[in-house]
Amino acid sequence: MPVFNKEKLKKNQSSEKRKSISSKNYFPPKEDQMTQSEVAEMFGRTVQTIINWKKNNVIPYYQIGRHPIFSRKQLTEFASRNQNRIAD
């Protein structure tokens, strides 16, 4: 009978979770979704700046009908890797 190492299983699950956030098939769960105005507040920018960043593919987003949806996790990851793009 196989023996399962709980710590190893947790590490594998967390690495799978990290991979899935950057996956093209990832769609943020409800608790991770943000609106344009929430993103603007998060970055200390105007909504128009967020719209411009979206149009120029500067930040990751999903489009459902007319409403863009942003992932807090993806934006946090983006901000940590692209501080020069979001700095004043």
PDB file of N, CA and C in Angstrom:
ATOM      1  N   MET A   1       0.839  -1.183   0.000  1.00  0.00           N
ATOM      2  CA  MET A   1       0.000   0.000   0.000  1.00  0.00           C
ATOM      3  C   MET A   1       0.883   1.245   0.000  1.00  0.00           C
ATOM      4  N   PRO A   2       0.590   2.246  -0.871  1.00  0.00           N
ATOM      5  CA  PRO A   2       1.452   3.425  -0.953  1.00  0.00           C
ATOM      6  C   PRO A   2       1.336   4.311   0.293  1.00  0.00           C
ATOM      7  N   VAL A   3       2.463   4.940   0.615  1.00  0.00           N
ATOM      8  CA  VAL A   3       2.507   5.863   1.737  1.00  0.00           C
ATOM      9  C   VAL A   3       2.569   7.279   1.169  1.00  0.00           C
ATOM     10  N   PHE A   4       1.740   8.176   1.683  1.00  0.00           N
ATOM     11  CA  PHE A   4       1.698   9.542   1.177  1.00  0.00           C
ATOM     12  C   PHE A   4       2.373  10.484   2.163  1.00  0.00           C
ATOM     13  N   ASN A   5       3.230  11.296   1.644  1.00  0.00           N
ATOM     14  CA  ASN A   5       3.892  12.313   2.435  1.00  0.00           C
ATOM     15  C   ASN A   5       3.071  13.591   2.305  1.00  0.00           C
ATOM     16  N   LYS A   6       2.430  14.028   3.396  1.00  0.00           N
ATOM     17  CA  LYS A   6       1.542  15.191   3.351  1.00  0.00           C
ATOM     18  C   LYS A   6       2.283  16.456   2.938  1.00  0.00           C
ATOM     19  N   GLU A   7       3.497  16.656   3.431  1.00  0.00           N
ATOM     20  CA  GLU A   7       4.265  17.859   3.090  1.00  0.00           C
ATOM     21  C   GLU A   7       4.599  17.894   1.602  1.00  0.00           C
ATOM     22  N   LYS A   8       5.004  16.756   1.077  1.00  0.00           N
ATOM     23  CA  LYS A   8       5.330  16.684  -0.345  1.00  0.00           C
ATOM     24  C   LYS A   8       4.077  16.925  -1.185  1.00  0.00           C
ATOM     25  N   LEU A   9       2.965  16.394  -0.758  1.00  0.00           N
ATOM     26  CA  LEU A   9       1.706  16.594  -1.461  1.00  0.00           C
ATOM     27  C   LEU A   9       1.316  18.067  -1.453  1.00  0.00           C
ATOM     28  N   LYS A  10       1.469  18.754  -0.312  1.00  0.00           N
ATOM     29  CA  LYS A  10       1.158  20.177  -0.213  1.00  0.00           C
ATOM     30  C   LYS A  10       2.049  20.994  -1.145  1.00  0.00           C
ATOM     31  N   LYS A  11       3.344  20.659  -1.192  1.00  0.00           N
ATOM     32  CA  LYS A  11       4.266  21.381  -2.072  1.00  0.00           C
ATOM     33  C   LYS A  11       3.878  21.198  -3.534  1.00  0.00           C
ATOM     34  N   ASN A  12       3.532  19.980  -3.905  1.00  0.00           N
ATOM     35  CA  ASN A  12       3.112  19.720  -5.282  1.00  0.00           C
ATOM     36  C   ASN A  12       1.846  20.488  -5.627  1.00  0.00           C
ATOM     37  N   GLN A  13       0.893  20.532  -4.706  1.00  0.00           N
ATOM     38  CA  GLN A  13      -0.354  21.252  -4.950  1.00  0.00           C
ATOM     39  C   GLN A  13      -0.102  22.746  -5.078  1.00  0.00           C
ATOM     40  N   SER A  14       0.775  23.310  -4.242  1.00  0.00           N
ATOM     41  CA  SER A  14       1.035  24.748  -4.326  1.00  0.00           C
ATOM     42  C   SER A  14       1.793  25.091  -5.600  1.00  0.00           C
ATOM     43  N   SER A  15       2.700  24.225  -6.059  1.00  0.00           N
ATOM     44  CA  SER A  15       3.391  24.507  -7.310  1.00  0.00           C
ATOM     45  C   SER A  15       2.445  24.368  -8.492  1.00  0.00           C
ATOM     46  N   GLU A  16       1.500  23.426  -8.404  1.00  0.00           N
ATOM     47  CA  GLU A  16       0.494  23.310  -9.461  1.00  0.00           C
ATOM     48  C   GLU A  16      -0.378  24.551  -9.494  1.00  0.00           C
ATOM     49  N   LYS A  17      -0.694  25.084  -8.324  1.00  0.00           N
ATOM     50  CA  LYS A  17      -1.512  26.283  -8.231  1.00  0.00           C
ATOM     51  C   LYS A  17      -0.782  27.460  -8.880  1.00  0.00           C
ATOM     52  N   ARG A  18       0.524  27.608  -8.608  1.00  0.00           N
ATOM     53  CA  ARG A  18       1.302  28.686  -9.203  1.00  0.00           C
ATOM     54  C   ARG A  18       1.351  28.551 -10.718  1.00  0.00           C
ATOM     55  N   LYS A  19       1.528  27.331 -11.208  1.00  0.00           N
ATOM     56  CA  LYS A  19       1.562  27.106 -12.645  1.00  0.00           C
ATOM     57  C   LYS A  19       0.217  27.449 -13.271  1.00  0.00           C
ATOM     58  N   SER A  20      -0.849  27.093 -12.581  1.00  0.00           N
ATOM     59  CA  SER A  20      -2.164  27.311 -13.158  1.00  0.00           C
ATOM     60  C   SER A  20      -2.495  28.795 -13.273  1.00  0.00           C
ATOM     61  N   ILE A  21      -1.965  29.638 -12.395  1.00  0.00           N
ATOM     62  CA  ILE A  21      -2.225  31.074 -12.471  1.00  0.00           C
ATOM     63  C   ILE A  21      -1.649  31.649 -13.752  1.00  0.00           C
ATOM     64  N   SER A  22      -0.493  31.175 -14.165  1.00  0.00           N
ATOM     65  CA  SER A  22       0.123  31.687 -15.387  1.00  0.00           C
ATOM     66  C   SER A  22      -0.317  30.920 -16.632  1.00  0.00           C
ATOM     67  N   SER A  23      -1.130  29.906 -16.460  1.00  0.00           N
ATOM     68  CA  SER A  23      -1.622  29.115 -17.581  1.00  0.00           C
ATOM     69  C   SER A  23      -2.598  29.917 -18.427  1.00  0.00           C
ATOM     70  N   LYS A  24      -2.606  29.644 -19.721  1.00  0.00           N
ATOM     71  CA  LYS A  24      -3.535  30.323 -20.613  1.00  0.00           C
ATOM     72  C   LYS A  24      -4.977  29.917 -20.351  1.00  0.00           C
ATOM     73  N   ASN A  25      -5.184  28.767 -19.729  1.00  0.00           N
ATOM     74  CA  ASN A  25      -6.527  28.275 -19.440  1.00  0.00           C
ATOM     75  C   ASN A  25      -7.035  28.717 -18.071  1.00  0.00           C
ATOM     76  N   TYR A  26      -6.247  29.497 -17.357  1.00  0.00           N
ATOM     77  CA  TYR A  26      -6.635  29.938 -16.018  1.00  0.00           C
ATOM     78  C   TYR A  26      -7.731  30.994 -16.107  1.00  0.00           C
ATOM     79  N   PHE A  27      -8.755  30.855 -15.279  1.00  0.00           N
ATOM     80  CA  PHE A  27      -9.763  31.901 -15.113  1.00  0.00           C
ATOM     81  C   PHE A  27      -9.914  32.111 -13.621  1.00  0.00           C
ATOM     82  N   PRO A  28      -9.795  33.354 -13.159  1.00  0.00           N
ATOM     83  CA  PRO A  28      -9.780  33.592 -11.711  1.00  0.00           C
ATOM     84  C   PRO A  28     -11.097  33.230 -11.030  1.00  0.00           C
ATOM     85  N   PRO A  29     -11.011  32.583  -9.875  1.00  0.00           N
ATOM     86  CA  PRO A  29     -12.230  32.304  -9.114  1.00  0.00           C
ATOM     87  C   PRO A  29     -12.833  33.620  -8.609  1.00  0.00           C
ATOM     88  N   LYS A  30     -14.065  33.588  -8.219  1.00  0.00           N
ATOM     89  CA  LYS A  30     -14.804  34.796  -7.817  1.00  0.00           C
ATOM     90  C   LYS A  30     -14.034  35.631  -6.798  1.00  0.00           C
ATOM     91  N   GLU A  31     -13.431  34.998  -5.801  1.00  0.00           N
ATOM     92  CA  GLU A  31     -12.727  35.747  -4.747  1.00  0.00           C
ATOM     93  C   GLU A  31     -11.436  36.409  -5.244  1.00  0.00           C
ATOM     94  N   ASP A  32     -10.967  36.038  -6.417  1.00  0.00           N
ATOM     95  CA  ASP A  32      -9.742  36.599  -6.991  1.00  0.00           C
ATOM     96  C   ASP A  32     -10.046  37.652  -8.058  1.00  0.00           C
ATOM     97  N   GLN A  33     -11.291  37.787  -8.453  1.00  0.00           N
ATOM     98  CA  GLN A  33     -11.650  38.700  -9.540  1.00  0.00           C
ATOM     99  C   GLN A  33     -11.711  40.146  -9.062  1.00  0.00           C
ATOM    100  N   MET A  34     -11.272  41.049  -9.959  1.00  0.00           N
ATOM    101  CA  MET A  34     -11.289  42.477  -9.670  1.00  0.00           C
ATOM    102  C   MET A  34     -11.876  43.241 -10.853  1.00  0.00           C
ATOM    103  N   THR A  35     -12.462  44.392 -10.562  1.00  0.00           N
ATOM    104  CA  THR A  35     -12.971  45.281 -11.608  1.00  0.00           C
ATOM    105  C   THR A  35     -11.895  46.296 -11.969  1.00  0.00           C
ATOM    106  N   GLN A  36     -12.131  47.057 -13.033  1.00  0.00           N
ATOM    107  CA  GLN A  36     -11.176  48.097 -13.441  1.00  0.00           C
ATOM    108  C   GLN A  36     -10.958  49.120 -12.335  1.00  0.00           C
ATOM    109  N   SER A  37     -12.028  49.522 -11.670  1.00  0.00           N
ATOM    110  CA  SER A  37     -11.879  50.529 -10.612  1.00  0.00           C
ATOM    111  C   SER A  37     -11.098  49.973  -9.424  1.00  0.00           C
ATOM    112  N   GLU A  38     -11.267  48.701  -9.106  1.00  0.00           N
ATOM    113  CA  GLU A  38     -10.487  48.084  -8.030  1.00  0.00           C
ATOM    114  C   GLU A  38      -9.011  48.003  -8.402  1.00  0.00           C
ATOM    115  N   VAL A  39      -8.738  47.710  -9.676  1.00  0.00           N
ATOM    116  CA  VAL A  39      -7.351  47.651 -10.143  1.00  0.00           C
ATOM    117  C   VAL A  39      -6.732  49.050 -10.095  1.00  0.00           C
ATOM    118  N   ALA A  40      -7.492  50.046 -10.507  1.00  0.00           N
ATOM    119  CA  ALA A  40      -7.001  51.430 -10.469  1.00  0.00           C
ATOM    120  C   ALA A  40      -6.647  51.824  -9.039  1.00  0.00           C
ATOM    121  N   GLU A  41      -7.494  51.460  -8.104  1.00  0.00           N
ATOM    122  CA  GLU A  41      -7.221  51.755  -6.697  1.00  0.00           C
ATOM    123  C   GLU A  41      -5.998  50.994  -6.204  1.00  0.00           C
ATOM    124  N   MET A  42      -5.873  49.750  -6.604  1.00  0.00           N
ATOM    125  CA  MET A  42      -4.737  48.911  -6.199  1.00  0.00           C
ATOM    126  C   MET A  42      -3.407  49.519  -6.643  1.00  0.00           C
ATOM    127  N   PHE A  43      -3.368  50.038  -7.873  1.00  0.00           N
ATOM    128  CA  PHE A  43      -2.133  50.604  -8.419  1.00  0.00           C
ATOM    129  C   PHE A  43      -2.012  52.110  -8.200  1.00  0.00           C
ATOM    130  N   GLY A  44      -3.036  52.729  -7.638  1.00  0.00           N
ATOM    131  CA  GLY A  44      -2.988  54.170  -7.419  1.00  0.00           C
ATOM    132  C   GLY A  44      -3.023  54.937  -8.734  1.00  0.00           C
ATOM    133  N   ARG A  45      -3.805  54.458  -9.668  1.00  0.00           N
ATOM    134  CA  ARG A  45      -3.935  55.056 -10.991  1.00  0.00           C
ATOM    135  C   ARG A  45      -5.392  55.375 -11.272  1.00  0.00           C
ATOM    136  N   THR A  46      -5.650  56.054 -12.383  1.00  0.00           N
ATOM    137  CA  THR A  46      -7.025  56.325 -12.785  1.00  0.00           C
ATOM    138  C   THR A  46      -7.570  55.119 -13.544  1.00  0.00           C
ATOM    139  N   VAL A  47      -8.878  55.048 -13.635  1.00  0.00           N
ATOM    140  CA  VAL A  47      -9.513  53.982 -14.401  1.00  0.00           C
ATOM    141  C   VAL A  47      -9.085  54.087 -15.866  1.00  0.00           C
ATOM    142  N   GLN A  48      -8.943  55.307 -16.384  1.00  0.00           N
ATOM    143  CA  GLN A  48      -8.522  55.487 -17.771  1.00  0.00           C
ATOM    144  C   GLN A  48      -7.128  54.893 -18.012  1.00  0.00           C
ATOM    145  N   THR A  49      -6.232  55.022 -17.055  1.00  0.00           N
ATOM    146  CA  THR A  49      -4.900  54.411 -17.178  1.00  0.00           C
ATOM    147  C   THR A  49      -5.021  52.898 -17.265  1.00  0.00           C
ATOM    148  N   ILE A  50      -5.881  52.306 -16.448  1.00  0.00           N
ATOM    149  CA  ILE A  50      -6.078  50.857 -16.477  1.00  0.00           C
ATOM    150  C   ILE A  50      -6.654  50.446 -17.828  1.00  0.00           C
ATOM    151  N   ILE A  51      -7.580  51.226 -18.353  1.00  0.00           N
ATOM    152  CA  ILE A  51      -8.149  50.949 -19.676  1.00  0.00           C
ATOM    153  C   ILE A  51      -7.057  51.006 -20.738  1.00  0.00           C
ATOM    154  N   ASN A  52      -6.188  52.008 -20.663  1.00  0.00           N
ATOM    155  CA  ASN A  52      -5.073  52.127 -21.616  1.00  0.00           C
ATOM    156  C   ASN A  52      -4.117  50.948 -21.491  1.00  0.00           C
ATOM    157  N   TRP A  53      -3.783  50.557 -20.262  1.00  0.00           N
ATOM    158  CA  TRP A  53      -2.901  49.408 -20.054  1.00  0.00           C
ATOM    159  C   TRP A  53      -3.533  48.154 -20.635  1.00  0.00           C
ATOM    160  N   LYS A  54      -4.840  48.014 -20.453  1.00  0.00           N
ATOM    161  CA  LYS A  54      -5.559  46.850 -20.982  1.00  0.00           C
ATOM    162  C   LYS A  54      -5.508  46.847 -22.508  1.00  0.00           C
ATOM    163  N   LYS A  55      -5.794  47.992 -23.129  1.00  0.00           N
ATOM    164  CA  LYS A  55      -5.784  48.096 -24.597  1.00  0.00           C
ATOM    165  C   LYS A  55      -4.403  47.811 -25.180  1.00  0.00           C
ATOM    166  N   ASN A  56      -3.361  48.200 -24.448  1.00  0.00           N
ATOM    167  CA  ASN A  56      -1.982  47.987 -24.909  1.00  0.00           C
ATOM    168  C   ASN A  56      -1.387  46.678 -24.402  1.00  0.00           C
ATOM    169  N   ASN A  57      -2.223  45.828 -23.804  1.00  0.00           N
ATOM    170  CA  ASN A  57      -1.795  44.528 -23.266  1.00  0.00           C
ATOM    171  C   ASN A  57      -0.642  44.642 -22.281  1.00  0.00           C
ATOM    172  N   VAL A  58      -0.681  45.682 -21.464  1.00  0.00           N
ATOM    173  CA  VAL A  58       0.343  45.858 -20.440  1.00  0.00           C
ATOM    174  C   VAL A  58       0.056  44.954 -19.249  1.00  0.00           C
ATOM    175  N   ILE A  59      -1.215  44.813 -18.895  1.00  0.00           N
ATOM    176  CA  ILE A  59      -1.608  43.991 -17.748  1.00  0.00           C
ATOM    177  C   ILE A  59      -2.511  42.852 -18.201  1.00  0.00           C
ATOM    178  N   PRO A  60      -2.447  41.722 -17.486  1.00  0.00           N
ATOM    179  CA  PRO A  60      -3.295  40.577 -17.855  1.00  0.00           C
ATOM    180  C   PRO A  60      -4.755  40.809 -17.459  1.00  0.00           C
ATOM    181  N   TYR A  61      -5.665  40.375 -18.311  1.00  0.00           N
ATOM    182  CA  TYR A  61      -7.090  40.488 -18.020  1.00  0.00           C
ATOM    183  C   TYR A  61      -7.863  39.475 -18.843  1.00  0.00           C
ATOM    184  N   TYR A  62      -9.125  39.314 -18.511  1.00  0.00           N
ATOM    185  CA  TYR A  62     -10.045  38.434 -19.233  1.00  0.00           C
ATOM    186  C   TYR A  62     -11.229  39.277 -19.651  1.00  0.00           C
ATOM    187  N   GLN A  63     -11.748  39.037 -20.818  1.00  0.00           N
ATOM    188  CA  GLN A  63     -12.888  39.797 -21.309  1.00  0.00           C
ATOM    189  C   GLN A  63     -14.102  38.876 -21.380  1.00  0.00           C
ATOM    190  N   ILE A  64     -15.117  39.196 -20.616  1.00  0.00           N
ATOM    191  CA  ILE A  64     -16.375  38.458 -20.637  1.00  0.00           C
ATOM    192  C   ILE A  64     -17.435  39.440 -21.110  1.00  0.00           C
ATOM    193  N   GLY A  65     -17.840  39.316 -22.356  1.00  0.00           N
ATOM    194  CA  GLY A  65     -18.779  40.285 -22.902  1.00  0.00           C
ATOM    195  C   GLY A  65     -18.134  41.658 -22.914  1.00  0.00           C
ATOM    196  N   ARG A  66     -18.806  42.620 -22.300  1.00  0.00           N
ATOM    197  CA  ARG A  66     -18.274  43.984 -22.253  1.00  0.00           C
ATOM    198  C   ARG A  66     -17.444  44.244 -21.008  1.00  0.00           C
ATOM    199  N   HIS A  67     -17.385  43.293 -20.107  1.00  0.00           N
ATOM    200  CA  HIS A  67     -16.765  43.527 -18.804  1.00  0.00           C
ATOM    201  C   HIS A  67     -15.406  42.845 -18.677  1.00  0.00           C
ATOM    202  N   PRO A  68     -14.344  43.632 -18.528  1.00  0.00           N
ATOM    203  CA  PRO A  68     -13.033  43.018 -18.281  1.00  0.00           C
ATOM    204  C   PRO A  68     -12.953  42.516 -16.843  1.00  0.00           C
ATOM    205  N   ILE A  69     -12.300  41.398 -16.681  1.00  0.00           N
ATOM    206  CA  ILE A  69     -12.091  40.815 -15.355  1.00  0.00           C
ATOM    207  C   ILE A  69     -10.592  40.666 -15.149  1.00  0.00           C
ATOM    208  N   PHE A  70     -10.125  41.095 -13.986  1.00  0.00           N
ATOM    209  CA  PHE A  70      -8.716  41.033 -13.645  1.00  0.00           C
ATOM    210  C   PHE A  70      -8.523  40.063 -12.487  1.00  0.00           C
ATOM    211  N   SER A  71      -7.384  39.404 -12.463  1.00  0.00           N
ATOM    212  CA  SER A  71      -7.042  38.482 -11.391  1.00  0.00           C
ATOM    213  C   SER A  71      -6.075  39.167 -10.432  1.00  0.00           C
ATOM    214  N   ARG A  72      -6.473  39.262  -9.162  1.00  0.00           N
ATOM    215  CA  ARG A  72      -5.602  39.891  -8.158  1.00  0.00           C
ATOM    216  C   ARG A  72      -4.247  39.168  -8.098  1.00  0.00           C
ATOM    217  N   LYS A  73      -4.270  37.850  -8.145  1.00  0.00           N
ATOM    218  CA  LYS A  73      -3.025  37.081  -8.071  1.00  0.00           C
ATOM    219  C   LYS A  73      -2.120  37.373  -9.264  1.00  0.00           C
ATOM    220  N   GLN A  74      -2.689  37.409 -10.455  1.00  0.00           N
ATOM    221  CA  GLN A  74      -1.888  37.686 -11.641  1.00  0.00           C
ATOM    222  C   GLN A  74      -1.355  39.109 -11.626  1.00  0.00           C
ATOM    223  N   LEU A  75      -2.167  40.063 -11.172  1.00  0.00           N
ATOM    224  CA  LEU A  75      -1.710  41.451 -11.112  1.00  0.00           C
ATOM    225  C   LEU A  75      -0.606  41.635 -10.076  1.00  0.00           C
ATOM    226  N   THR A  76      -0.727  40.945  -8.958  1.00  0.00           N
ATOM    227  CA  THR A  76       0.318  41.012  -7.930  1.00  0.00           C
ATOM    228  C   THR A  76       1.622  40.439  -8.471  1.00  0.00           C
ATOM    229  N   GLU A  77       1.511  39.317  -9.169  1.00  0.00           N
ATOM    230  CA  GLU A  77       2.689  38.703  -9.796  1.00  0.00           C
ATOM    231  C   GLU A  77       3.277  39.634 -10.858  1.00  0.00           C
ATOM    232  N   PHE A  78       2.414  40.225 -11.677  1.00  0.00           N
ATOM    233  CA  PHE A  78       2.846  41.175 -12.706  1.00  0.00           C
ATOM    234  C   PHE A  78       3.568  42.361 -12.075  1.00  0.00           C
ATOM    235  N   ALA A  79       2.987  42.927 -11.015  1.00  0.00           N
ATOM    236  CA  ALA A  79       3.572  44.101 -10.355  1.00  0.00           C
ATOM    237  C   ALA A  79       4.939  43.789  -9.771  1.00  0.00           C
ATOM    238  N   SER A  80       5.102  42.608  -9.209  1.00  0.00           N
ATOM    239  CA  SER A  80       6.397  42.261  -8.619  1.00  0.00           C
ATOM    240  C   SER A  80       7.479  42.078  -9.679  1.00  0.00           C
ATOM    241  N   ARG A  81       7.080  41.664 -10.889  1.00  0.00           N
ATOM    242  CA  ARG A  81       8.050  41.465 -11.966  1.00  0.00           C
ATOM    243  C   ARG A  81       8.252  42.704 -12.840  1.00  0.00           C
ATOM    244  N   ASN A  82       7.343  43.677 -12.752  1.00  0.00           N
ATOM    245  CA  ASN A  82       7.384  44.846 -13.644  1.00  0.00           C
ATOM    246  C   ASN A  82       7.231  46.149 -12.894  1.00  0.00           C
ATOM    247  N   GLN A  83       8.000  46.315 -11.844  1.00  0.00           N
ATOM    248  CA  GLN A  83       7.882  47.507 -11.015  1.00  0.00           C
ATOM    249  C   GLN A  83       8.179  48.774 -11.809  1.00  0.00           C
ATOM    250  N   ASN A  84       9.050  48.685 -12.792  1.00  0.00           N
ATOM    251  CA  ASN A  84       9.378  49.865 -13.598  1.00  0.00           C
ATOM    252  C   ASN A  84       8.197  50.328 -14.442  1.00  0.00           C
ATOM    253  N   ARG A  85       7.304  49.438 -14.832  1.00  0.00           N
ATOM    254  CA  ARG A  85       6.140  49.804 -15.629  1.00  0.00           C
ATOM    255  C   ARG A  85       5.059  50.508 -14.828  1.00  0.00           C
ATOM    256  N   ILE A  86       4.979  50.218 -13.542  1.00  0.00           N
ATOM    257  CA  ILE A  86       3.913  50.793 -12.742  1.00  0.00           C
ATOM    258  C   ILE A  86       4.392  51.908 -11.818  1.00  0.00           C
ATOM    259  N   ALA A  87       5.686  52.168 -11.816  1.00  0.00           N
ATOM    260  CA  ALA A  87       6.232  53.241 -10.966  1.00  0.00           C
ATOM    261  C   ALA A  87       5.842  54.599 -11.524  1.00  0.00           C
ATOM    262  N   ASP A  88       5.734  55.556 -10.613  1.00  0.00           N
ATOM    263  CA  ASP A  88       5.397  56.928 -11.038  1.00  0.00           C
ATOM    264  C   ASP A  88       6.446  57.532 -11.926  1.00  0.00           C
TER     265      ASP A  88
END
